[in-house]
C-alpha atoms as a PDB file:
ATOM      1  CA  MET A   1     119.173 -47.503  68.733  1.00  0.00           C
ATOM      2  CA  SER A   2     122.101 -46.564  66.478  1.00  0.00           C
ATOM      3  CA  GLN A   3     120.469 -48.461  63.630  1.00  0.00           C
ATOM      4  CA  LYS A   4     117.392 -46.190  63.809  1.00  0.00           C
ATOM      5  CA  PHE A   5     119.625 -43.117  63.793  1.00  0.00           C
ATOM      6  CA  GLY A   6     121.392 -44.456  60.717  1.00  0.00           C
ATOM      7  CA  VAL A   7     118.058 -44.949  58.916  1.00  0.00           C
ATOM      8  CA  ARG A   8     116.921 -41.420  59.839  1.00  0.00           C
ATOM      9  CA  LYS A   9     120.222 -39.976  58.634  1.00  0.00           C
ATOM     10  CA  LEU A  10     119.929 -41.928  55.371  1.00  0.00           C
ATOM     11  CA  LYS A  11     116.351 -40.684  54.862  1.00  0.00           C
ATOM     12  CA  LYS A  12     117.454 -37.090  55.543  1.00  0.00           C
ATOM     13  CA  GLU A  13     120.254 -37.383  52.968  1.00  0.00           C
ATOM     14  CA  THR A  14     117.855 -38.900  50.470  1.00  0.00           C
ATOM     15  CA  VAL A  15     115.384 -36.030  50.964  1.00  0.00           C
ATOM     16  CA  GLU A  16     118.180 -33.470  50.619  1.00  0.00           C
ATOM     17  CA  GLU A  17     119.384 -35.181  47.432  1.00  0.00           C
ATOM     18  CA  LYS A  18     115.850 -35.093  46.029  1.00  0.00           C
ATOM     19  CA  ILE A  19     115.491 -31.399  46.879  1.00  0.00           C
ATOM     20  CA  THR A  20     118.812 -30.670  45.195  1.00  0.00           C
ATOM     21  CA  SER A  21     117.760 -32.665  42.141  1.00  0.00           C
ATOM     22  CA  LEU A  22     114.408 -30.885  41.955  1.00  0.00           C
ATOM     23  CA  ARG A  23     116.125 -27.499  42.244  1.00  0.00           C
ATOM     24  CA  GLU A  24     118.548 -28.366  39.432  1.00  0.00           C
ATOM     25  CA  ASN A  25     115.683 -29.620  37.251  1.00  0.00           C
ATOM     26  CA  ALA A  26     113.676 -26.452  37.918  1.00  0.00           C
ATOM     27  CA  PHE A  27     116.593 -24.254  36.856  1.00  0.00           C
ATOM     28  CA  ALA A  28     117.155 -26.390  33.749  1.00  0.00           C
ATOM     29  CA  LEU A  29     113.464 -26.097  32.857  1.00  0.00           C
ATOM     30  CA  ILE A  30     113.543 -22.312  33.261  1.00  0.00           C
ATOM     31  CA  LYS A  31     116.586 -22.183  30.991  1.00  0.00           C
ATOM     32  CA  GLU A  32     114.826 -24.338  28.368  1.00  0.00           C
ATOM     33  CA  ILE A  33     111.745 -22.091  28.456  1.00  0.00           C
ATOM     34  CA  ARG A  34     113.906 -18.991  27.949  1.00  0.00           C
ATOM     35  CA  GLU A  35     115.741 -20.635  25.056  1.00  0.00           C
ATOM     36  CA  PHE A  36     112.473 -21.741  23.474  1.00  0.00           C
ATOM     37  CA  GLY A  37     111.216 -18.166  23.585  1.00  0.00           C
ATOM     38  CA  SER A  38     114.391 -16.932  21.894  1.00  0.00           C
ATOM     39  CA  LEU A  39     113.847 -19.410  19.043  1.00  0.00           C
ATOM     40  CA  ALA A  40     110.584 -17.720  18.096  1.00  0.00           C
ATOM     41  CA  PHE A  41     109.942 -17.588  14.399  1.00  0.00           C
ATOM     42  CA  ALA A  42     110.397 -14.375  12.493  1.00  0.00           C
ATOM     43  CA  ASP A  43     107.363 -12.298  11.564  1.00  0.00           C
ATOM     44  CA  VAL A  44     106.946 -13.005   7.838  1.00  0.00           C
ATOM     45  CA  SER A  45     104.224 -10.400   7.324  1.00  0.00           C
ATOM     46  CA  GLN A  46     106.873  -7.833   6.330  1.00  0.00           C
ATOM     47  CA  GLY A  47     109.079 -10.337   4.533  1.00  0.00           C
ATOM     48  CA  ILE A  48     112.189 -12.083   5.821  1.00  0.00           C
ATOM     49  CA  ASP A  49     115.613 -13.101   4.650  1.00  0.00           C
ATOM     50  CA  MET A  50     115.041 -16.876   4.574  1.00  0.00           C
ATOM     51  CA  PRO A  51     118.718 -17.915   4.294  1.00  0.00           C
ATOM     52  CA  LYS A  52     119.582 -15.651   7.230  1.00  0.00           C
ATOM     53  CA  GLU A  53     116.814 -17.152   9.373  1.00  0.00           C
ATOM     54  CA  VAL A  54     117.858 -20.715   8.482  1.00  0.00           C
ATOM     55  CA  ARG A  55     121.469 -19.849   9.340  1.00  0.00           C
ATOM     56  CA  ARG A  56     120.408 -18.346  12.677  1.00  0.00           C
ATOM     57  CA  LEU A  57     118.350 -21.406  13.572  1.00  0.00           C
ATOM     58  CA  GLU A  58     121.074 -23.870  12.512  1.00  0.00           C
ATOM     59  CA  ILE A  59     123.677 -22.048  14.593  1.00  0.00           C
ATOM     60  CA  ARG A  60     121.460 -22.057  17.682  1.00  0.00           C
ATOM     61  CA  LEU A  61     120.613 -25.753  17.255  1.00  0.00           C
ATOM     62  CA  ILE A  62     124.259 -26.720  16.751  1.00  0.00           C
ATOM     63  CA  LYS A  63     125.340 -24.740  19.804  1.00  0.00           C
ATOM     64  CA  ARG A  64     122.535 -26.232  21.871  1.00  0.00           C
ATOM     65  CA  ALA A  65     123.446 -29.779  20.805  1.00  0.00           C
ATOM     66  CA  LEU A  66     127.118 -29.163  21.604  1.00  0.00           C
ATOM     67  CA  GLU A  67     126.159 -27.740  24.983  1.00  0.00           C
ATOM     68  CA  GLU A  68     123.911 -30.722  25.696  1.00  0.00           C
ATOM     69  CA  THR A  69     126.712 -33.168  24.833  1.00  0.00           C
ATOM     70  CA  ASN A  70     129.514 -31.237  26.566  1.00  0.00           C
ATOM     71  CA  GLY A  71     131.166 -30.479  23.236  1.00  0.00           C
ATOM     72  CA  SER A  72     131.091 -33.973  21.769  1.00  0.00           C
ATOM     73  CA  GLN A  73     130.617 -33.515  18.042  1.00  0.00           C
ATOM     74  CA  VAL A  74     129.806 -37.210  17.555  1.00  0.00           C
ATOM     75  CA  SER A  75     126.998 -37.083  20.124  1.00  0.00           C
ATOM     76  CA  ALA A  76     125.800 -33.674  18.917  1.00  0.00           C
ATOM     77  CA  ALA A  77     125.594 -34.964  15.341  1.00  0.00           C
ATOM     78  CA  ARG A  78     123.545 -37.909  16.564  1.00  0.00           C
ATOM     79  CA  LEU A  79     121.142 -35.561  18.401  1.00  0.00           C
ATOM     80  CA  LEU A  80     120.753 -33.420  15.283  1.00  0.00           C
ATOM     81  CA  GLY A  81     120.317 -36.373  12.936  1.00  0.00           C
ATOM     82  CA  LEU A  82     123.416 -35.411  10.966  1.00  0.00           C
ATOM     83  CA  LYS A  83     126.573 -37.196   9.920  1.00  0.00           C
ATOM     84  CA  VAL A  84     129.593 -36.024  11.906  1.00  0.00           C
ATOM     85  CA  THR A  85     131.210 -34.744   8.702  1.00  0.00           C
ATOM     86  CA  THR A  86     128.114 -32.653   7.923  1.00  0.00           C
ATOM     87  CA  LEU A  87     128.074 -31.169  11.428  1.00  0.00           C
ATOM     88  CA  ASN A  88     131.794 -30.439  11.204  1.00  0.00           C
ATOM     89  CA  ALA A  89     131.310 -28.696   7.851  1.00  0.00           C
ATOM     90  CA  LYS A  90     128.527 -26.533   9.318  1.00  0.00           C
ATOM     91  CA  ILE A  91     130.682 -25.671  12.343  1.00  0.00           C
ATOM     92  CA  LYS A  92     133.440 -24.524   9.970  1.00  0.00           C
ATOM     93  CA  ARG A  93     131.017 -22.726   7.624  1.00  0.00           C
ATOM     94  CA  TYR A  94     129.510 -20.729  10.475  1.00  0.00           C
ATOM     95  CA  GLY A  95     132.872 -20.102  12.132  1.00  0.00           C
ATOM     96  CA  LEU A  96     131.796 -21.752  15.378  1.00  0.00           C
ATOM     97  CA  ASP A  97     134.223 -22.817  18.073  1.00  0.00           C
ATOM     98  CA  PRO A  98     133.132 -26.268  19.287  1.00  0.00           C
ATOM     99  CA  ASN A  99     135.167 -25.710  22.460  1.00  0.00           C
ATOM    100  CA  ASP A 100     133.079 -22.632  23.328  1.00  0.00           C
ATOM    101  CA  ILE A 101     129.739 -24.334  23.782  1.00  0.00           C
ATOM    102  CA  SER A 102     128.013 -21.865  26.077  1.00  0.00           C
ATOM    103  CA  LEU A 103     124.904 -20.140  24.792  1.00  0.00           C
ATOM    104  CA  GLN A 104     124.988 -16.537  25.888  1.00  0.00           C
ATOM    105  CA  GLU A 105     121.748 -14.856  26.979  1.00  0.00           C
ATOM    106  CA  GLY A 106     120.604 -12.528  24.204  1.00  0.00           C
ATOM    107  CA  GLU A 107     123.270 -13.790  21.819  1.00  0.00           C
ATOM    108  CA  GLN A 108     122.924 -12.667  18.234  1.00  0.00           C
ATOM    109  CA  SER A 109     123.272 -15.580  15.851  1.00  0.00           C
END
C-alpha cells in the first residue's frame, strides 16, 4: 500500500514540476515577444541616422547576449559570432557595464 502512495506522490511532484516549468517558459516567451517588439526597425520613410540605429541594435544585442549567458563575455561572444576581444571592445566603446546585464523595460539605447 505504501508503495502506491509513493508512486502517487512522485506523480504529483512530477506534474507540479511540469506546471512550474510551463509557467516559467510562458513568462520567458512573453518577455521574448516584448523584446522582439522593441527591436522593431526604424521607419526609413523620413530618413534615419544609420550609425545611431546600428549602435542601438548592437547595444541591445550585446546586453541580451550577456543576460542570456549570465554575464559571461566568452559565451556571449560565441552567441553573437564575435571574438571575445571584439565584444570587449564594443562593451568599452558603448560604455556598457558587463556586470549590469539586466535589460530594463523601455530602456533607451
